[in-house]
Amino acid sequence: MFLTFIVILTFVTVAVPLLATAWLLKGKFKSRIDWLLRVFVSAALIVFFLLAGTWVFLSVWLKYAVKALFVYAVIKTFPRLEDRKIFGKRDDKGKVSYNGRLAVLVIFLALDFFVIKGRFFKGDATELSFPLKDGRFLVAQGGASPITNIFHNSDPSQRFALDIVKLNALGNRANGFFPGELSRYKAFGEVVYSPCSGVIAGVADGLPDNKPRQADRKNPAGNHIVIDCGKSRVLLAHLLNGSITVKAGQFVKGSQVLARVGNSGNTSEPHLHIQAWDIDKPEKALPLTFDGEFLVMNSTLRN
């Protein structure tokens, strides 16, 4: 069931922007208003899937191809308007109906608003150094929007949590769509570095690394480390069994080696989960920034 859901979600992520672009490219425009509505509707659809789509299951580079195709469609169709009237042809009652397009436009503009709003946060953030190095990484889940952080947003203590994967040269997080071997996931075994200087508040190790799609729901965080970073506590979860190199009570420096990325706990595939909360209010999640940047779903960075 889970794999079927991912397949459908990935197909929709790619298919809808391509169909929207084709709808614009093949359009027979009756007026400038007709063309503009098609452009805006297509753009609203494409923006939503660029920001909230699951590109990582195929390749994040496809996003740039989609953008380029849309720009090409806009440029290609614009000259067709030279001889068109502003408002276009009317029906027998003298009316022009754009109700369907307007409804779709309003729906996706609202969705775009909530997704873009989730790229910002209120209050102070916990400034950290990025805990992974030597490669290109992508945030699979993250941000302040329930649309882009659906698995974390419902829990107040995890509201700003991030799930981070590593990308291969093709822009995918694994060699294959959803391989059954942990070694085929780019993040598996990656060294995890301390994102701050502080004291280790807690450590859990000894849990096995699950096979892909076989989550351990009884131990949500799996093998993990909790660090006191001044006014906040930071959790690094789903670590590789036996890889943790620190103990509770130990002081660590920023960028010190802590462990390796695994697949322990409630996780379907190897990734690093990181979150922070107020040390005096464990139920209060804190936003995370890395070099001042607030990362969200589909954010990519090279470190």
C-alpha atoms as a PDB file:
ATOM      1  CA  MET A   1       0.000   0.000   0.000  1.00  0.00           C
ATOM      2  CA  PHE A   2       2.775   2.447   0.934  1.00  0.00           C
ATOM      3  CA  LEU A   3       4.723   1.744  -2.247  1.00  0.00           C
ATOM      4  CA  THR A   4       1.557   2.145  -4.343  1.00  0.00           C
ATOM      5  CA  PHE A   5       0.915   5.519  -2.700  1.00  0.00           C
ATOM      6  CA  ILE A   6       4.483   6.671  -3.461  1.00  0.00           C
ATOM      7  CA  VAL A   7       4.190   5.541  -7.089  1.00  0.00           C
ATOM      8  CA  ILE A   8       0.924   7.462  -7.547  1.00  0.00           C
ATOM      9  CA  LEU A   9       2.295  10.549  -5.803  1.00  0.00           C
ATOM     10  CA  THR A  10       5.432  10.547  -7.931  1.00  0.00           C
ATOM     11  CA  PHE A  11       3.447  10.061 -11.143  1.00  0.00           C
ATOM     12  CA  VAL A  12       1.131  12.972 -10.268  1.00  0.00           C
ATOM     13  CA  THR A  13       4.119  15.168  -9.334  1.00  0.00           C
ATOM     14  CA  VAL A  14       5.547  14.815 -12.841  1.00  0.00           C
ATOM     15  CA  ALA A  15       2.392  14.322 -14.907  1.00  0.00           C
ATOM     16  CA  VAL A  16       0.359  17.337 -13.742  1.00  0.00           C
ATOM     17  CA  PRO A  17       3.020  19.991 -14.575  1.00  0.00           C
ATOM     18  CA  LEU A  18       3.637  18.362 -17.968  1.00  0.00           C
ATOM     19  CA  LEU A  19      -0.090  18.235 -18.739  1.00  0.00           C
ATOM     20  CA  ALA A  20      -0.506  21.864 -17.644  1.00  0.00           C
ATOM     21  CA  THR A  21       2.337  22.889 -19.957  1.00  0.00           C
ATOM     22  CA  ALA A  22       0.874  20.893 -22.858  1.00  0.00           C
ATOM     23  CA  TRP A  23      -2.555  22.468 -22.228  1.00  0.00           C
ATOM     24  CA  LEU A  24      -0.968  25.886 -22.614  1.00  0.00           C
ATOM     25  CA  LEU A  25       1.200  24.927 -25.576  1.00  0.00           C
ATOM     26  CA  LYS A  26      -1.638  23.356 -27.571  1.00  0.00           C
ATOM     27  CA  GLY A  27      -4.250  25.965 -26.680  1.00  0.00           C
ATOM     28  CA  LYS A  28      -6.391  27.724 -29.311  1.00  0.00           C
ATOM     29  CA  PHE A  29      -6.817  31.110 -27.701  1.00  0.00           C
ATOM     30  CA  LYS A  30      -9.903  33.201 -28.313  1.00  0.00           C
ATOM     31  CA  SER A  31      -8.548  36.289 -26.579  1.00  0.00           C
ATOM     32  CA  ARG A  32      -5.786  37.757 -24.471  1.00  0.00           C
ATOM     33  CA  ILE A  33      -7.829  36.993 -21.357  1.00  0.00           C
ATOM     34  CA  ASP A  34      -8.081  33.386 -22.498  1.00  0.00           C
ATOM     35  CA  TRP A  35      -4.281  33.160 -22.871  1.00  0.00           C
ATOM     36  CA  LEU A  36      -3.545  34.921 -19.595  1.00  0.00           C
ATOM     37  CA  LEU A  37      -5.881  32.615 -17.670  1.00  0.00           C
ATOM     38  CA  ARG A  38      -4.210  29.577 -19.175  1.00  0.00           C
ATOM     39  CA  VAL A  39      -0.789  30.938 -18.227  1.00  0.00           C
ATOM     40  CA  PHE A  40      -1.862  31.717 -14.649  1.00  0.00           C
ATOM     41  CA  VAL A  41      -3.650  28.391 -14.142  1.00  0.00           C
ATOM     42  CA  SER A  42      -0.685  26.454 -15.532  1.00  0.00           C
ATOM     43  CA  ALA A  43       1.749  28.469 -13.437  1.00  0.00           C
ATOM     44  CA  ALA A  44      -0.263  27.959 -10.230  1.00  0.00           C
ATOM     45  CA  LEU A  45      -0.339  24.191 -10.795  1.00  0.00           C
ATOM     46  CA  ILE A  46       3.349  23.988 -11.652  1.00  0.00           C
ATOM     47  CA  VAL A  47       4.482  26.128  -8.702  1.00  0.00           C
ATOM     48  CA  PHE A  48       2.604  23.885  -6.274  1.00  0.00           C
ATOM     49  CA  PHE A  49       4.193  20.682  -7.561  1.00  0.00           C
ATOM     50  CA  LEU A  50       7.658  22.239  -7.828  1.00  0.00           C
ATOM     51  CA  LEU A  51       7.514  23.203  -4.155  1.00  0.00           C
ATOM     52  CA  ALA A  52       5.557  20.271  -2.716  1.00  0.00           C
ATOM     53  CA  GLY A  53       6.111  17.414  -5.163  1.00  0.00           C
ATOM     54  CA  THR A  54       8.097  14.223  -4.520  1.00  0.00           C
ATOM     55  CA  TRP A  55      10.802  14.744  -7.149  1.00  0.00           C
ATOM     56  CA  VAL A  56      13.406  12.840  -5.150  1.00  0.00           C
ATOM     57  CA  PHE A  57      11.894   9.474  -6.125  1.00  0.00           C
ATOM     58  CA  LEU A  58      12.924  10.121  -9.748  1.00  0.00           C
ATOM     59  CA  SER A  59      15.333  13.040 -10.015  1.00  0.00           C
ATOM     60  CA  VAL A  60      15.351  16.561  -8.624  1.00  0.00           C
ATOM     61  CA  TRP A  61      16.817  17.689 -11.965  1.00  0.00           C
ATOM     62  CA  LEU A  62      13.401  17.078 -13.545  1.00  0.00           C
ATOM     63  CA  LYS A  63      12.176  20.211 -11.774  1.00  0.00           C
ATOM     64  CA  TYR A  64      14.449  22.343 -13.936  1.00  0.00           C
ATOM     65  CA  ALA A  65      13.245  20.621 -17.094  1.00  0.00           C
ATOM     66  CA  VAL A  66       9.631  21.364 -16.101  1.00  0.00           C
ATOM     67  CA  LYS A  67      10.479  25.032 -15.515  1.00  0.00           C
ATOM     68  CA  ALA A  68      12.217  25.292 -18.875  1.00  0.00           C
ATOM     69  CA  LEU A  69       9.297  23.672 -20.715  1.00  0.00           C
ATOM     70  CA  PHE A  70       6.820  26.084 -19.123  1.00  0.00           C
ATOM     71  CA  VAL A  71       8.912  29.133 -20.069  1.00  0.00           C
ATOM     72  CA  TYR A  72       9.155  27.747 -23.607  1.00  0.00           C
ATOM     73  CA  ALA A  73       5.355  27.283 -23.740  1.00  0.00           C
ATOM     74  CA  VAL A  74       4.731  30.873 -22.606  1.00  0.00           C
ATOM     75  CA  ILE A  75       7.135  32.281 -25.192  1.00  0.00           C
ATOM     76  CA  LYS A  76       5.882  29.981 -27.936  1.00  0.00           C
ATOM     77  CA  THR A  77       2.193  30.822 -27.445  1.00  0.00           C
ATOM     78  CA  PHE A  78       2.517  34.571 -26.940  1.00  0.00           C
ATOM     79  CA  PRO A  79       2.791  35.506 -30.658  1.00  0.00           C
ATOM     80  CA  ARG A  80      -0.559  33.835 -31.325  1.00  0.00           C
ATOM     81  CA  LEU A  81      -2.221  36.786 -29.589  1.00  0.00           C
ATOM     82  CA  GLU A  82      -1.213  39.451 -32.075  1.00  0.00           C
ATOM     83  CA  ASP A  83      -4.515  39.422 -33.946  1.00  0.00           C
ATOM     84  CA  ARG A  84      -6.767  38.548 -31.036  1.00  0.00           C
ATOM     85  CA  LYS A  85      -9.248  40.772 -29.321  1.00  0.00           C
ATOM     86  CA  ILE A  86      -8.923  41.553 -25.623  1.00  0.00           C
ATOM     87  CA  PHE A  87     -12.029  39.744 -24.419  1.00  0.00           C
ATOM     88  CA  GLY A  88     -12.651  37.267 -27.234  1.00  0.00           C
ATOM     89  CA  LYS A  89     -15.730  35.573 -28.616  1.00  0.00           C
ATOM     90  CA  ARG A  90     -18.994  35.347 -26.698  1.00  0.00           C
ATOM     91  CA  ASP A  91     -21.600  32.630 -26.535  1.00  0.00           C
ATOM     92  CA  ASP A  92     -25.231  32.938 -27.717  1.00  0.00           C
ATOM     93  CA  LYS A  93     -26.146  34.865 -24.563  1.00  0.00           C
ATOM     94  CA  GLY A  94     -23.320  37.298 -24.999  1.00  0.00           C
ATOM     95  CA  LYS A  95     -21.261  35.920 -22.129  1.00  0.00           C
ATOM     96  CA  VAL A  96     -17.763  34.528 -21.869  1.00  0.00           C
ATOM     97  CA  SER A  97     -17.365  31.805 -19.233  1.00  0.00           C
ATOM     98  CA  TYR A  98     -14.065  31.119 -17.515  1.00  0.00           C
ATOM     99  CA  ASN A  99     -15.605  29.620 -14.362  1.00  0.00           C
ATOM    100  CA  GLY A 100     -13.776  26.303 -14.545  1.00  0.00           C
ATOM    101  CA  ARG A 101     -10.378  27.879 -14.967  1.00  0.00           C
ATOM    102  CA  LEU A 102     -11.034  30.464 -12.275  1.00  0.00           C
ATOM    103  CA  ALA A 103     -12.031  27.745  -9.814  1.00  0.00           C
ATOM    104  CA  VAL A 104      -8.818  25.789 -10.460  1.00  0.00           C
ATOM    105  CA  LEU A 105      -6.793  29.004 -10.265  1.00  0.00           C
ATOM    106  CA  VAL A 106      -8.283  29.980  -6.885  1.00  0.00           C
ATOM    107  CA  ILE A 107      -7.725  26.488  -5.426  1.00  0.00           C
ATOM    108  CA  PHE A 108      -4.087  26.277  -6.463  1.00  0.00           C
ATOM    109  CA  LEU A 109      -3.299  29.883  -5.581  1.00  0.00           C
ATOM    110  CA  ALA A 110      -4.545  29.057  -2.061  1.00  0.00           C
ATOM    111  CA  LEU A 111      -2.384  25.916  -1.967  1.00  0.00           C
ATOM    112  CA  ASP A 112       0.612  27.880  -3.253  1.00  0.00           C
ATOM    113  CA  PHE A 113       0.020  30.488  -0.546  1.00  0.00           C
ATOM    114  CA  PHE A 114       0.100  27.905   2.254  1.00  0.00           C
ATOM    115  CA  VAL A 115       3.179  26.212   0.807  1.00  0.00           C
ATOM    116  CA  ILE A 116       5.057  29.510   0.408  1.00  0.00           C
ATOM    117  CA  LYS A 117       3.925  30.673   3.846  1.00  0.00           C
ATOM    118  CA  GLY A 118       5.543  27.523   5.247  1.00  0.00           C
ATOM    119  CA  ARG A 119       8.914  28.767   4.024  1.00  0.00           C
ATOM    120  CA  PHE A 120       8.878  31.389   6.771  1.00  0.00           C
ATOM    121  CA  PHE A 121       8.611  31.204  10.544  1.00  0.00           C
ATOM    122  CA  LYS A 122       7.922  33.428  13.517  1.00  0.00           C
ATOM    123  CA  GLY A 123      10.164  33.839  16.544  1.00  0.00           C
ATOM    124  CA  ASP A 124      13.780  32.875  17.103  1.00  0.00           C
ATOM    125  CA  ALA A 125      15.427  29.921  15.406  1.00  0.00           C
ATOM    126  CA  THR A 126      18.123  27.510  16.532  1.00  0.00           C
ATOM    127  CA  GLU A 127      21.183  28.230  14.416  1.00  0.00           C
ATOM    128  CA  LEU A 128      23.110  25.045  13.619  1.00  0.00           C
ATOM    129  CA  SER A 129      25.817  23.801  11.306  1.00  0.00           C
ATOM    130  CA  PHE A 130      24.657  21.266   8.749  1.00  0.00           C
ATOM    131  CA  PRO A 131      25.198  17.750  10.185  1.00  0.00           C
ATOM    132  CA  LEU A 132      26.197  16.050   6.902  1.00  0.00           C
ATOM    133  CA  LYS A 133      29.157  16.733   4.625  1.00  0.00           C
ATOM    134  CA  ASP A 134      30.716  15.860   1.280  1.00  0.00           C
ATOM    135  CA  GLY A 135      27.838  15.763  -1.139  1.00  0.00           C
ATOM    136  CA  ARG A 136      24.517  17.174  -2.294  1.00  0.00           C
ATOM    137  CA  PHE A 137      21.578  16.828   0.083  1.00  0.00           C
ATOM    138  CA  LEU A 138      17.839  17.330  -0.119  1.00  0.00           C
ATOM    139  CA  VAL A 139      15.139  17.937   2.478  1.00  0.00           C
ATOM    140  CA  ALA A 140      12.473  15.280   1.901  1.00  0.00           C
ATOM    141  CA  GLN A 141      10.156  16.698   4.586  1.00  0.00           C
ATOM    142  CA  GLY A 142      10.454  20.102   6.237  1.00  0.00           C
ATOM    143  CA  GLY A 143       9.132  23.612   6.713  1.00  0.00           C
ATOM    144  CA  ALA A 144       6.335  25.248   8.664  1.00  0.00           C
ATOM    145  CA  SER A 145       3.539  24.111   6.335  1.00  0.00           C
ATOM    146  CA  PRO A 146       1.529  20.926   6.932  1.00  0.00           C
ATOM    147  CA  ILE A 147       1.605  20.399   3.169  1.00  0.00           C
ATOM    148  CA  THR A 148       5.410  20.109   2.998  1.00  0.00           C
ATOM    149  CA  ASN A 149       5.940  18.647   6.470  1.00  0.00           C
ATOM    150  CA  ILE A 150       2.921  16.373   6.792  1.00  0.00           C
ATOM    151  CA  PHE A 151       4.601  13.647   8.887  1.00  0.00           C
ATOM    152  CA  HIS A 152       5.865  16.083  11.537  1.00  0.00           C
ATOM    153  CA  ASN A 153       3.506  19.053  11.580  1.00  0.00           C
ATOM    154  CA  SER A 154       0.757  17.387  13.624  1.00  0.00           C
ATOM    155  CA  ASP A 155       3.113  16.974  16.619  1.00  0.00           C
ATOM    156  CA  PRO A 156       3.876  20.368  18.250  1.00  0.00           C
ATOM    157  CA  SER A 157       7.309  19.165  19.371  1.00  0.00           C
ATOM    158  CA  GLN A 158       8.248  18.157  15.795  1.00  0.00           C
ATOM    159  CA  ARG A 159       6.633  20.968  13.856  1.00  0.00           C
ATOM    160  CA  PHE A 160       9.903  22.152  12.268  1.00  0.00           C
ATOM    161  CA  ALA A 161      11.626  18.761  12.022  1.00  0.00           C
ATOM    162  CA  LEU A 162      13.586  17.885   8.876  1.00  0.00           C
ATOM    163  CA  ASP A 163      14.145  14.587   7.065  1.00  0.00           C
ATOM    164  CA  ILE A 164      17.361  14.788   5.034  1.00  0.00           C
ATOM    165  CA  VAL A 165      18.576  12.472   2.276  1.00  0.00           C
ATOM    166  CA  LYS A 166      21.689  12.485   0.127  1.00  0.00           C
ATOM    167  CA  LEU A 167      21.499  12.680  -3.676  1.00  0.00           C
ATOM    168  CA  ASN A 168      23.458  10.779  -6.268  1.00  0.00           C
ATOM    169  CA  ALA A 169      24.686  12.235  -9.566  1.00  0.00           C
ATOM    170  CA  LEU A 170      21.264  11.652 -11.166  1.00  0.00           C
ATOM    171  CA  GLY A 171      19.525  13.712  -8.482  1.00  0.00           C
ATOM    172  CA  ASN A 172      17.932  10.666  -6.839  1.00  0.00           C
ATOM    173  CA  ARG A 173      18.290   9.547  -3.222  1.00  0.00           C
ATOM    174  CA  ALA A 174      18.835   5.893  -4.231  1.00  0.00           C
ATOM    175  CA  ASN A 175      19.998   3.663  -7.052  1.00  0.00           C
ATOM    176  CA  GLY A 176      16.502   2.628  -8.078  1.00  0.00           C
ATOM    177  CA  PHE A 177      12.972   3.793  -7.390  1.00  0.00           C
ATOM    178  CA  PHE A 178      12.547   2.077  -4.001  1.00  0.00           C
ATOM    179  CA  PRO A 179      15.293  -0.577  -3.709  1.00  0.00           C
ATOM    180  CA  GLY A 180      15.175  -3.293  -1.073  1.00  0.00           C
ATOM    181  CA  GLU A 181      18.875  -3.051  -0.111  1.00  0.00           C
ATOM    182  CA  LEU A 182      19.961  -0.369   2.359  1.00  0.00           C
ATOM    183  CA  SER A 183      23.339  -0.004   0.646  1.00  0.00           C
ATOM    184  CA  ARG A 184      21.639   1.377  -2.480  1.00  0.00           C
ATOM    185  CA  TYR A 185      20.452   4.465  -0.595  1.00  0.00           C
ATOM    186  CA  LYS A 186      22.966   7.296  -0.881  1.00  0.00           C
ATOM    187  CA  ALA A 187      22.486   8.500   2.715  1.00  0.00           C
ATOM    188  CA  PHE A 188      23.029   5.106   4.326  1.00  0.00           C
ATOM    189  CA  GLY A 189      26.276   5.050   6.316  1.00  0.00           C
ATOM    190  CA  GLU A 190      26.985   8.771   5.876  1.00  0.00           C
ATOM    191  CA  VAL A 191      28.898  10.330   8.772  1.00  0.00           C
ATOM    192  CA  VAL A 192      26.788  12.539  11.063  1.00  0.00           C
ATOM    193  CA  TYR A 193      28.547  15.535  12.601  1.00  0.00           C
ATOM    194  CA  SER A 194      27.490  17.512  15.648  1.00  0.00           C
ATOM    195  CA  PRO A 195      25.430  20.519  14.533  1.00  0.00           C
ATOM    196  CA  CYS A 196      26.472  22.506  17.629  1.00  0.00           C
ATOM    197  CA  SER A 197      28.743  22.517  20.642  1.00  0.00           C
ATOM    198  CA  GLY A 198      27.077  21.199  23.771  1.00  0.00           C
ATOM    199  CA  VAL A 199      26.526  18.322  26.147  1.00  0.00           C
ATOM    200  CA  ILE A 200      25.081  14.965  25.124  1.00  0.00           C
ATOM    201  CA  ALA A 201      21.778  14.765  27.002  1.00  0.00           C
ATOM    202  CA  GLY A 202      20.808  11.297  25.842  1.00  0.00           C
ATOM    203  CA  VAL A 203      21.874   8.372  23.676  1.00  0.00           C
ATOM    204  CA  ALA A 204      20.055   5.268  22.443  1.00  0.00           C
ATOM    205  CA  ASP A 205      21.836   2.556  20.460  1.00  0.00           C
ATOM    206  CA  GLY A 206      21.515  -1.146  19.749  1.00  0.00           C
ATOM    207  CA  LEU A 207      18.369  -1.160  17.633  1.00  0.00           C
ATOM    208  CA  PRO A 208      18.619  -2.964  14.274  1.00  0.00           C
ATOM    209  CA  ASP A 209      18.440  -1.135  10.974  1.00  0.00           C
ATOM    210  CA  ASN A 210      15.159  -1.951   9.267  1.00  0.00           C
ATOM    211  CA  LYS A 211      14.796  -3.172   5.743  1.00  0.00           C
ATOM    212  CA  PRO A 212      13.283  -0.467   3.507  1.00  0.00           C
ATOM    213  CA  ARG A 213       9.532  -0.006   4.068  1.00  0.00           C
ATOM    214  CA  GLN A 214       9.623  -2.060   7.295  1.00  0.00           C
ATOM    215  CA  ALA A 215       9.409   0.612  10.008  1.00  0.00           C
ATOM    216  CA  ASP A 216       9.830  -0.007  13.748  1.00  0.00           C
ATOM    217  CA  ARG A 217       6.886   1.959  15.141  1.00  0.00           C
ATOM    218  CA  LYS A 218       7.574   0.881  18.721  1.00  0.00           C
ATOM    219  CA  ASN A 219      10.831   2.867  18.739  1.00  0.00           C
ATOM    220  CA  PRO A 220      10.049   6.005  16.699  1.00  0.00           C
ATOM    221  CA  ALA A 221      13.460   7.712  16.945  1.00  0.00           C
ATOM    222  CA  GLY A 222      15.428   4.472  16.642  1.00  0.00           C
ATOM    223  CA  ASN A 223      19.091   4.863  17.534  1.00  0.00           C
ATOM    224  CA  HIS A 224      19.441   8.537  18.362  1.00  0.00           C
ATOM    225  CA  ILE A 225      21.364  11.311  20.081  1.00  0.00           C
ATOM    226  CA  VAL A 226      20.044  14.332  21.996  1.00  0.00           C
ATOM    227  CA  ILE A 227      22.341  17.348  22.447  1.00  0.00           C
ATOM    228  CA  ASP A 228      21.906  20.324  24.777  1.00  0.00           C
ATOM    229  CA  CYS A 229      22.786  23.272  22.543  1.00  0.00           C
ATOM    230  CA  GLY A 230      22.397  26.173  24.931  1.00  0.00           C
ATOM    231  CA  LYS A 231      18.713  27.091  25.125  1.00  0.00           C
ATOM    232  CA  SER A 232      17.614  24.268  22.876  1.00  0.00           C
ATOM    233  CA  ARG A 233      17.869  20.500  22.619  1.00  0.00           C
ATOM    234  CA  VAL A 234      18.555  18.884  19.273  1.00  0.00           C
ATOM    235  CA  LEU A 235      17.573  15.343  18.295  1.00  0.00           C
ATOM    236  CA  LEU A 236      19.386  13.353  15.611  1.00  0.00           C
ATOM    237  CA  ALA A 237      17.427  10.186  14.846  1.00  0.00           C
ATOM    238  CA  HIS A 238      17.394   6.956  12.769  1.00  0.00           C
ATOM    239  CA  LEU A 239      21.125   6.386  13.248  1.00  0.00           C
ATOM    240  CA  LEU A 240      23.065   3.311  12.178  1.00  0.00           C
ATOM    241  CA  ASN A 241      23.164   0.531  14.741  1.00  0.00           C
ATOM    242  CA  GLY A 242      26.499   0.519  16.589  1.00  0.00           C
ATOM    243  CA  SER A 243      27.803   3.693  14.962  1.00  0.00           C
ATOM    244  CA  ILE A 244      27.304   6.183  17.829  1.00  0.00           C
ATOM    245  CA  THR A 245      30.669   7.379  19.181  1.00  0.00           C
ATOM    246  CA  VAL A 246      29.543   9.546  22.133  1.00  0.00           C
ATOM    247  CA  LYS A 247      28.034   8.965  25.562  1.00  0.00           C
ATOM    248  CA  ALA A 248      25.528  10.805  27.741  1.00  0.00           C
ATOM    249  CA  GLY A 249      27.158  13.642  29.698  1.00  0.00           C
ATOM    250  CA  GLN A 250      29.989  14.049  27.206  1.00  0.00           C
ATOM    251  CA  PHE A 251      30.812  17.501  25.845  1.00  0.00           C
ATOM    252  CA  VAL A 252      31.055  17.694  22.067  1.00  0.00           C
ATOM    253  CA  LYS A 253      32.266  20.413  19.751  1.00  0.00           C
ATOM    254  CA  GLY A 254      30.509  21.561  16.615  1.00  0.00           C
ATOM    255  CA  SER A 255      31.321  19.352  13.597  1.00  0.00           C
ATOM    256  CA  GLN A 256      32.584  16.523  15.826  1.00  0.00           C
ATOM    257  CA  VAL A 257      31.811  13.037  14.490  1.00  0.00           C
ATOM    258  CA  LEU A 258      28.804  11.562  16.310  1.00  0.00           C
ATOM    259  CA  ALA A 259      27.497   8.584  14.332  1.00  0.00           C
ATOM    260  CA  ARG A 260      26.352   7.440  10.893  1.00  0.00           C
ATOM    261  CA  VAL A 261      23.004   7.610   9.089  1.00  0.00           C
ATOM    262  CA  GLY A 262      21.026   4.379   9.391  1.00  0.00           C
ATOM    263  CA  ASN A 263      17.470   3.161   9.104  1.00  0.00           C
ATOM    264  CA  SER A 264      16.473   2.386  12.696  1.00  0.00           C
ATOM    265  CA  GLY A 265      13.150   3.339  14.237  1.00  0.00           C
ATOM    266  CA  ASN A 266       9.983   4.496  12.520  1.00  0.00           C
ATOM    267  CA  THR A 267      11.427   5.106   9.072  1.00  0.00           C
ATOM    268  CA  SER A 268      10.784   3.635   5.638  1.00  0.00           C
ATOM    269  CA  GLU A 269      14.254   4.314   4.224  1.00  0.00           C
ATOM    270  CA  PRO A 270      17.656   5.706   5.303  1.00  0.00           C
ATOM    271  CA  HIS A 271      17.647   9.393   6.147  1.00  0.00           C
ATOM    272  CA  LEU A 272      18.638  11.739   8.953  1.00  0.00           C
ATOM    273  CA  HIS A 273      15.861  13.181  11.097  1.00  0.00           C
ATOM    274  CA  ILE A 274      16.730  16.374  12.986  1.00  0.00           C
ATOM    275  CA  GLN A 275      14.568  18.540  15.219  1.00  0.00           C
ATOM    276  CA  ALA A 276      14.952  20.994  18.093  1.00  0.00           C
ATOM    277  CA  TRP A 277      12.825  22.107  21.019  1.00  0.00           C
ATOM    278  CA  ASP A 278      13.034  24.628  23.852  1.00  0.00           C
ATOM    279  CA  ILE A 279      15.055  23.118  26.694  1.00  0.00           C
ATOM    280  CA  ASP A 280      12.557  24.510  29.230  1.00  0.00           C
ATOM    281  CA  LYS A 281       9.474  23.668  27.162  1.00  0.00           C
ATOM    282  CA  PRO A 282       9.903  20.270  25.489  1.00  0.00           C
ATOM    283  CA  GLU A 283       6.539  20.626  23.764  1.00  0.00           C
ATOM    284  CA  LYS A 284       7.676  23.790  21.949  1.00  0.00           C
ATOM    285  CA  ALA A 285       9.378  23.025  18.636  1.00  0.00           C
ATOM    286  CA  LEU A 286      12.000  25.478  17.424  1.00  0.00           C
ATOM    287  CA  PRO A 287      12.764  26.364  13.787  1.00  0.00           C
ATOM    288  CA  LEU A 288      16.167  25.271  12.515  1.00  0.00           C
ATOM    289  CA  THR A 289      18.466  27.419  10.414  1.00  0.00           C
ATOM    290  CA  PHE A 290      21.761  26.416   8.829  1.00  0.00           C
ATOM    291  CA  ASP A 291      24.054  29.326   8.037  1.00  0.00           C
ATOM    292  CA  GLY A 292      20.946  31.488   8.430  1.00  0.00           C
ATOM    293  CA  GLU A 293      18.874  29.489   5.937  1.00  0.00           C
ATOM    294  CA  PHE A 294      15.513  27.969   6.885  1.00  0.00           C
ATOM    295  CA  LEU A 295      15.312  24.722   4.935  1.00  0.00           C
ATOM    296  CA  VAL A 296      12.002  23.318   3.681  1.00  0.00           C
ATOM    297  CA  MET A 297      10.781  20.424   1.551  1.00  0.00           C
ATOM    298  CA  ASN A 298      12.770  20.124  -1.713  1.00  0.00           C
ATOM    299  CA  SER A 299      15.517  22.460  -0.478  1.00  0.00           C
ATOM    300  CA  THR A 300      18.847  21.263  -1.860  1.00  0.00           C
ATOM    301  CA  LEU A 301      22.332  22.183  -0.749  1.00  0.00           C
ATOM    302  CA  ARG A 302      25.870  21.098  -1.410  1.00  0.00           C
ATOM    303  CA  ASN A 303      28.098  20.849   1.647  1.00  0.00           C
END
